PDB file of all heavy atoms in Angstrom:
ATOM      1  N   VAL A   1     -72.280  28.240  69.605  1.00  0.00           N
ATOM      2  CA  VAL A   1     -73.169  28.393  68.512  1.00  0.00           C
ATOM      3  C   VAL A   1     -73.029  29.566  67.683  1.00  0.00           C
ATOM      4  O   VAL A   1     -73.040  29.523  66.432  1.00  0.00           O
ATOM      5  CB  VAL A   1     -74.771  28.442  69.120  1.00  0.00           C
ATOM      6  CG1 VAL A   1     -75.741  28.747  67.958  1.00  0.00           C
ATOM      7  CG2 VAL A   1     -75.049  27.075  69.690  1.00  0.00           C
ATOM      8  N   VAL A   2     -72.665  30.672  68.311  1.00  0.00           N
ATOM      9  CA  VAL A   2     -72.345  31.958  67.557  1.00  0.00           C
ATOM     10  C   VAL A   2     -71.048  31.768  66.645  1.00  0.00           C
ATOM     11  O   VAL A   2     -71.063  32.089  65.462  1.00  0.00           O
ATOM     12  CB  VAL A   2     -72.074  33.124  68.484  1.00  0.00           C
ATOM     13  CG1 VAL A   2     -71.503  34.369  67.756  1.00  0.00           C
ATOM     14  CG2 VAL A   2     -73.381  33.521  69.185  1.00  0.00           C
ATOM     15  N   ALA A   3     -70.066  31.059  67.220  1.00  0.00           N
ATOM     16  CA  ALA A   3     -68.883  30.675  66.414  1.00  0.00           C
ATOM     17  C   ALA A   3     -69.202  29.843  65.213  1.00  0.00           C
ATOM     18  O   ALA A   3     -68.748  29.992  64.151  1.00  0.00           O
ATOM     19  CB  ALA A   3     -67.887  30.077  67.270  1.00  0.00           C
ATOM     20  N   LEU A   4     -70.208  28.884  65.431  1.00  0.00           N
ATOM     21  CA  LEU A   4     -70.605  27.956  64.324  1.00  0.00           C
ATOM     22  C   LEU A   4     -71.354  28.757  63.200  1.00  0.00           C
ATOM     23  O   LEU A   4     -71.193  28.512  62.102  1.00  0.00           O
ATOM     24  CB  LEU A   4     -71.390  26.862  64.924  1.00  0.00           C
ATOM     25  CG  LEU A   4     -70.688  25.804  65.637  1.00  0.00           C
ATOM     26  CD1 LEU A   4     -71.725  24.866  66.289  1.00  0.00           C
ATOM     27  CD2 LEU A   4     -69.769  24.937  64.703  1.00  0.00           C
ATOM     28  N   LEU A   5     -72.085  29.752  63.706  1.00  0.00           N
ATOM     29  CA  LEU A   5     -72.923  30.460  62.775  1.00  0.00           C
ATOM     30  C   LEU A   5     -72.121  31.402  61.934  1.00  0.00           C
ATOM     31  O   LEU A   5     -72.363  31.627  60.661  1.00  0.00           O
ATOM     32  CB  LEU A   5     -74.009  31.336  63.488  1.00  0.00           C
ATOM     33  CG  LEU A   5     -75.141  30.564  64.149  1.00  0.00           C
ATOM     34  CD1 LEU A   5     -76.031  31.477  64.966  1.00  0.00           C
ATOM     35  CD2 LEU A   5     -75.971  29.849  63.060  1.00  0.00           C
ATOM     36  N   VAL A   6     -71.014  31.971  62.459  1.00  0.00           N
ATOM     37  CA  VAL A   6     -70.081  32.878  61.669  1.00  0.00           C
ATOM     38  C   VAL A   6     -69.092  32.091  60.870  1.00  0.00           C
ATOM     39  O   VAL A   6     -68.334  32.777  60.193  1.00  0.00           O
ATOM     40  CB  VAL A   6     -69.534  33.866  62.575  1.00  0.00           C
ATOM     41  CG1 VAL A   6     -70.496  34.759  63.260  1.00  0.00           C
ATOM     42  CG2 VAL A   6     -68.538  33.295  63.564  1.00  0.00           C
ATOM     43  N   ALA A   7     -68.952  30.743  61.064  1.00  0.00           N
ATOM     44  CA  ALA A   7     -67.928  30.061  60.326  1.00  0.00           C
ATOM     45  C   ALA A   7     -68.260  30.001  58.838  1.00  0.00           C
ATOM     46  O   ALA A   7     -69.407  29.867  58.471  1.00  0.00           O
ATOM     47  CB  ALA A   7     -67.832  28.608  60.867  1.00  0.00           C
ATOM     48  N   PRO A   8     -67.283  30.191  58.044  1.00  0.00           N
ATOM     49  CA  PRO A   8     -67.465  30.183  56.588  1.00  0.00           C
ATOM     50  C   PRO A   8     -67.801  28.759  56.133  1.00  0.00           C
ATOM     51  O   PRO A   8     -67.350  27.736  56.676  1.00  0.00           O
ATOM     52  CB  PRO A   8     -66.168  30.681  56.071  1.00  0.00           C
ATOM     53  CG  PRO A   8     -65.188  30.189  57.048  1.00  0.00           C
ATOM     54  CD  PRO A   8     -65.922  30.346  58.396  1.00  0.00           C
ATOM     55  N   ALA A   9     -68.695  28.649  55.100  1.00  0.00           N
ATOM     56  CA  ALA A   9     -69.044  27.341  54.493  1.00  0.00           C
ATOM     57  C   ALA A   9     -68.067  27.100  53.373  1.00  0.00           C
ATOM     58  O   ALA A   9     -68.348  27.301  52.249  1.00  0.00           O
ATOM     59  CB  ALA A   9     -70.483  27.315  54.093  1.00  0.00           C
ATOM     60  N   THR A  10     -66.881  26.493  53.751  1.00  0.00           N
ATOM     61  CA  THR A  10     -65.917  26.267  52.664  1.00  0.00           C
ATOM     62  C   THR A  10     -65.862  24.818  52.369  1.00  0.00           C
ATOM     63  O   THR A  10     -66.018  23.933  53.138  1.00  0.00           O
ATOM     64  CB  THR A  10     -64.478  26.705  53.130  1.00  0.00           C
ATOM     65  OG1 THR A  10     -64.253  26.081  54.434  1.00  0.00           O
ATOM     66  CG2 THR A  10     -64.390  28.236  53.317  1.00  0.00           C
ATOM     67  N   PRO A  11     -65.696  24.426  51.091  1.00  0.00           N
ATOM     68  CA  PRO A  11     -65.707  23.048  50.686  1.00  0.00           C
ATOM     69  C   PRO A  11     -64.366  22.339  51.143  1.00  0.00           C
ATOM     70  O   PRO A  11     -63.307  23.079  51.359  1.00  0.00           O
ATOM     71  CB  PRO A  11     -65.725  23.091  49.140  1.00  0.00           C
ATOM     72  CG  PRO A  11     -65.206  24.458  48.784  1.00  0.00           C
ATOM     73  CD  PRO A  11     -65.611  25.348  49.938  1.00  0.00           C
ATOM     74  N   ALA A  12     -64.430  21.044  51.211  1.00  0.00           N
ATOM     75  CA  ALA A  12     -63.185  20.365  51.702  1.00  0.00           C
ATOM     76  C   ALA A  12     -62.169  20.306  50.560  1.00  0.00           C
ATOM     77  O   ALA A  12     -62.506  20.079  49.424  1.00  0.00           O
ATOM     78  CB  ALA A  12     -63.546  18.856  52.145  1.00  0.00           C
ATOM     79  N   SER A  13     -60.985  20.496  50.934  1.00  0.00           N
ATOM     80  CA  SER A  13     -59.779  20.285  49.994  1.00  0.00           C
ATOM     81  C   SER A  13     -58.573  20.050  50.851  1.00  0.00           C
ATOM     82  O   SER A  13     -58.598  20.190  52.088  1.00  0.00           O
ATOM     83  CB  SER A  13     -59.630  21.586  49.188  1.00  0.00           C
ATOM     84  OG  SER A  13     -59.409  22.674  49.879  1.00  0.00           O
ATOM     85  N   ALA A  14     -57.469  19.900  50.157  1.00  0.00           N
ATOM     86  CA  ALA A  14     -56.247  19.607  50.949  1.00  0.00           C
ATOM     87  C   ALA A  14     -55.020  19.933  50.122  1.00  0.00           C
ATOM     88  O   ALA A  14     -54.841  19.461  48.964  1.00  0.00           O
ATOM     89  CB  ALA A  14     -56.228  18.073  51.302  1.00  0.00           C
ATOM     90  N   HIS A  15     -54.134  20.763  50.744  1.00  0.00           N
ATOM     91  CA  HIS A  15     -52.909  21.128  50.089  1.00  0.00           C
ATOM     92  C   HIS A  15     -53.012  21.429  48.654  1.00  0.00           C
ATOM     93  O   HIS A  15     -52.472  20.773  47.771  1.00  0.00           O
ATOM     94  CB  HIS A  15     -51.884  19.985  50.384  1.00  0.00           C
ATOM     95  CG  HIS A  15     -51.534  19.891  51.851  1.00  0.00           C
ATOM     96  ND1 HIS A  15     -50.647  20.668  52.467  1.00  0.00           N
ATOM     97  CD2 HIS A  15     -51.918  19.023  52.805  1.00  0.00           C
ATOM     98  CE1 HIS A  15     -50.430  20.338  53.740  1.00  0.00           C
ATOM     99  NE2 HIS A  15     -51.228  19.421  53.961  1.00  0.00           N
ATOM    100  N   ALA A  16     -53.729  22.587  48.374  1.00  0.00           N
ATOM    101  CA  ALA A  16     -53.820  22.966  46.941  1.00  0.00           C
ATOM    102  C   ALA A  16     -52.489  23.265  46.407  1.00  0.00           C
ATOM    103  O   ALA A  16     -51.555  23.715  47.013  1.00  0.00           O
ATOM    104  CB  ALA A  16     -54.752  24.214  46.979  1.00  0.00           C
ATOM    105  N   VAL A  17     -52.395  22.979  45.063  1.00  0.00           N
ATOM    106  CA  VAL A  17     -51.194  23.266  44.332  1.00  0.00           C
ATOM    107  C   VAL A  17     -51.610  24.017  43.031  1.00  0.00           C
ATOM    108  O   VAL A  17     -52.696  23.823  42.513  1.00  0.00           O
ATOM    109  CB  VAL A  17     -50.410  22.005  43.904  1.00  0.00           C
ATOM    110  CG1 VAL A  17     -49.810  21.293  45.125  1.00  0.00           C
ATOM    111  CG2 VAL A  17     -51.305  20.976  43.229  1.00  0.00           C
ATOM    112  N   LEU A  18     -50.667  24.814  42.550  1.00  0.00           N
ATOM    113  CA  LEU A  18     -50.972  25.557  41.318  1.00  0.00           C
ATOM    114  C   LEU A  18     -50.854  24.616  40.096  1.00  0.00           C
ATOM    115  O   LEU A  18     -49.836  24.007  39.921  1.00  0.00           O
ATOM    116  CB  LEU A  18     -49.837  26.622  41.187  1.00  0.00           C
ATOM    117  CG  LEU A  18     -50.083  27.664  40.004  1.00  0.00           C
ATOM    118  CD1 LEU A  18     -51.371  28.490  40.216  1.00  0.00           C
ATOM    119  CD2 LEU A  18     -48.914  28.660  39.894  1.00  0.00           C
ATOM    120  N   VAL A  19     -51.978  24.567  39.325  1.00  0.00           N
ATOM    121  CA  VAL A  19     -52.033  23.659  38.196  1.00  0.00           C
ATOM    122  C   VAL A  19     -51.873  24.382  36.866  1.00  0.00           C
ATOM    123  O   VAL A  19     -51.466  23.783  35.889  1.00  0.00           O
ATOM    124  CB  VAL A  19     -53.292  22.784  38.249  1.00  0.00           C
ATOM    125  CG1 VAL A  19     -53.246  21.894  39.475  1.00  0.00           C
ATOM    126  CG2 VAL A  19     -54.577  23.697  38.249  1.00  0.00           C
ATOM    127  N   SER A  20     -52.260  25.680  36.821  1.00  0.00           N
ATOM    128  CA  SER A  20     -52.107  26.405  35.562  1.00  0.00           C
ATOM    129  C   SER A  20     -52.124  27.927  35.900  1.00  0.00           C
ATOM    130  O   SER A  20     -52.602  28.439  36.878  1.00  0.00           O
ATOM    131  CB  SER A  20     -53.225  26.061  34.553  1.00  0.00           C
ATOM    132  OG  SER A  20     -54.483  26.485  35.117  1.00  0.00           O
ATOM    133  N   THR A  21     -51.602  28.671  34.855  1.00  0.00           N
ATOM    134  CA  THR A  21     -51.562  30.044  34.981  1.00  0.00           C
ATOM    135  C   THR A  21     -51.889  30.671  33.697  1.00  0.00           C
ATOM    136  O   THR A  21     -51.733  30.050  32.630  1.00  0.00           O
ATOM    137  CB  THR A  21     -50.185  30.683  35.410  1.00  0.00           C
ATOM    138  OG1 THR A  21     -49.211  30.362  34.472  1.00  0.00           O
ATOM    139  CG2 THR A  21     -49.828  30.085  36.857  1.00  0.00           C
ATOM    140  N   SER A  22     -52.386  31.940  33.704  1.00  0.00           N
ATOM    141  CA  SER A  22     -52.611  32.708  32.470  1.00  0.00           C
ATOM    142  C   SER A  22     -52.120  34.148  32.681  1.00  0.00           C
ATOM    143  O   SER A  22     -52.730  34.823  33.535  1.00  0.00           O
ATOM    144  CB  SER A  22     -54.114  32.703  32.029  1.00  0.00           C
ATOM    145  OG  SER A  22     -54.298  33.507  30.893  1.00  0.00           O
ATOM    146  N   PRO A  23     -51.134  34.577  32.022  1.00  0.00           N
ATOM    147  CA  PRO A  23     -50.254  33.866  30.966  1.00  0.00           C
ATOM    148  C   PRO A  23     -49.606  32.698  31.682  1.00  0.00           C
ATOM    149  O   PRO A  23     -49.266  32.624  32.865  1.00  0.00           O
ATOM    150  CB  PRO A  23     -49.247  34.947  30.567  1.00  0.00           C
ATOM    151  CG  PRO A  23     -49.875  36.253  31.029  1.00  0.00           C
ATOM    152  CD  PRO A  23     -50.626  35.941  32.235  1.00  0.00           C
ATOM    153  N   THR A  24     -49.191  31.729  30.784  1.00  0.00           N
ATOM    154  CA  THR A  24     -48.485  30.557  31.286  1.00  0.00           C
ATOM    155  C   THR A  24     -47.112  30.943  31.756  1.00  0.00           C
ATOM    156  O   THR A  24     -46.478  31.958  31.232  1.00  0.00           O
ATOM    157  CB  THR A  24     -48.414  29.416  30.245  1.00  0.00           C
ATOM    158  OG1 THR A  24     -47.670  30.020  29.035  1.00  0.00           O
ATOM    159  CG2 THR A  24     -49.739  29.010  29.824  1.00  0.00           C
ATOM    160  N   ALA A  25     -46.482  30.160  32.669  1.00  0.00           N
ATOM    161  CA  ALA A  25     -45.174  30.360  33.119  1.00  0.00           C
ATOM    162  C   ALA A  25     -44.133  30.499  32.022  1.00  0.00           C
ATOM    163  O   ALA A  25     -44.193  29.555  31.154  1.00  0.00           O
ATOM    164  CB  ALA A  25     -44.752  29.357  34.172  1.00  0.00           C
TER     165      ALA A  25
END
């Protein structure tokens, strides 16, 4: 229970990739 309470509430996602930068490449 303690481990569950300290777990971060992060949204689901998968294998993030870079889609844009500023300044652009």
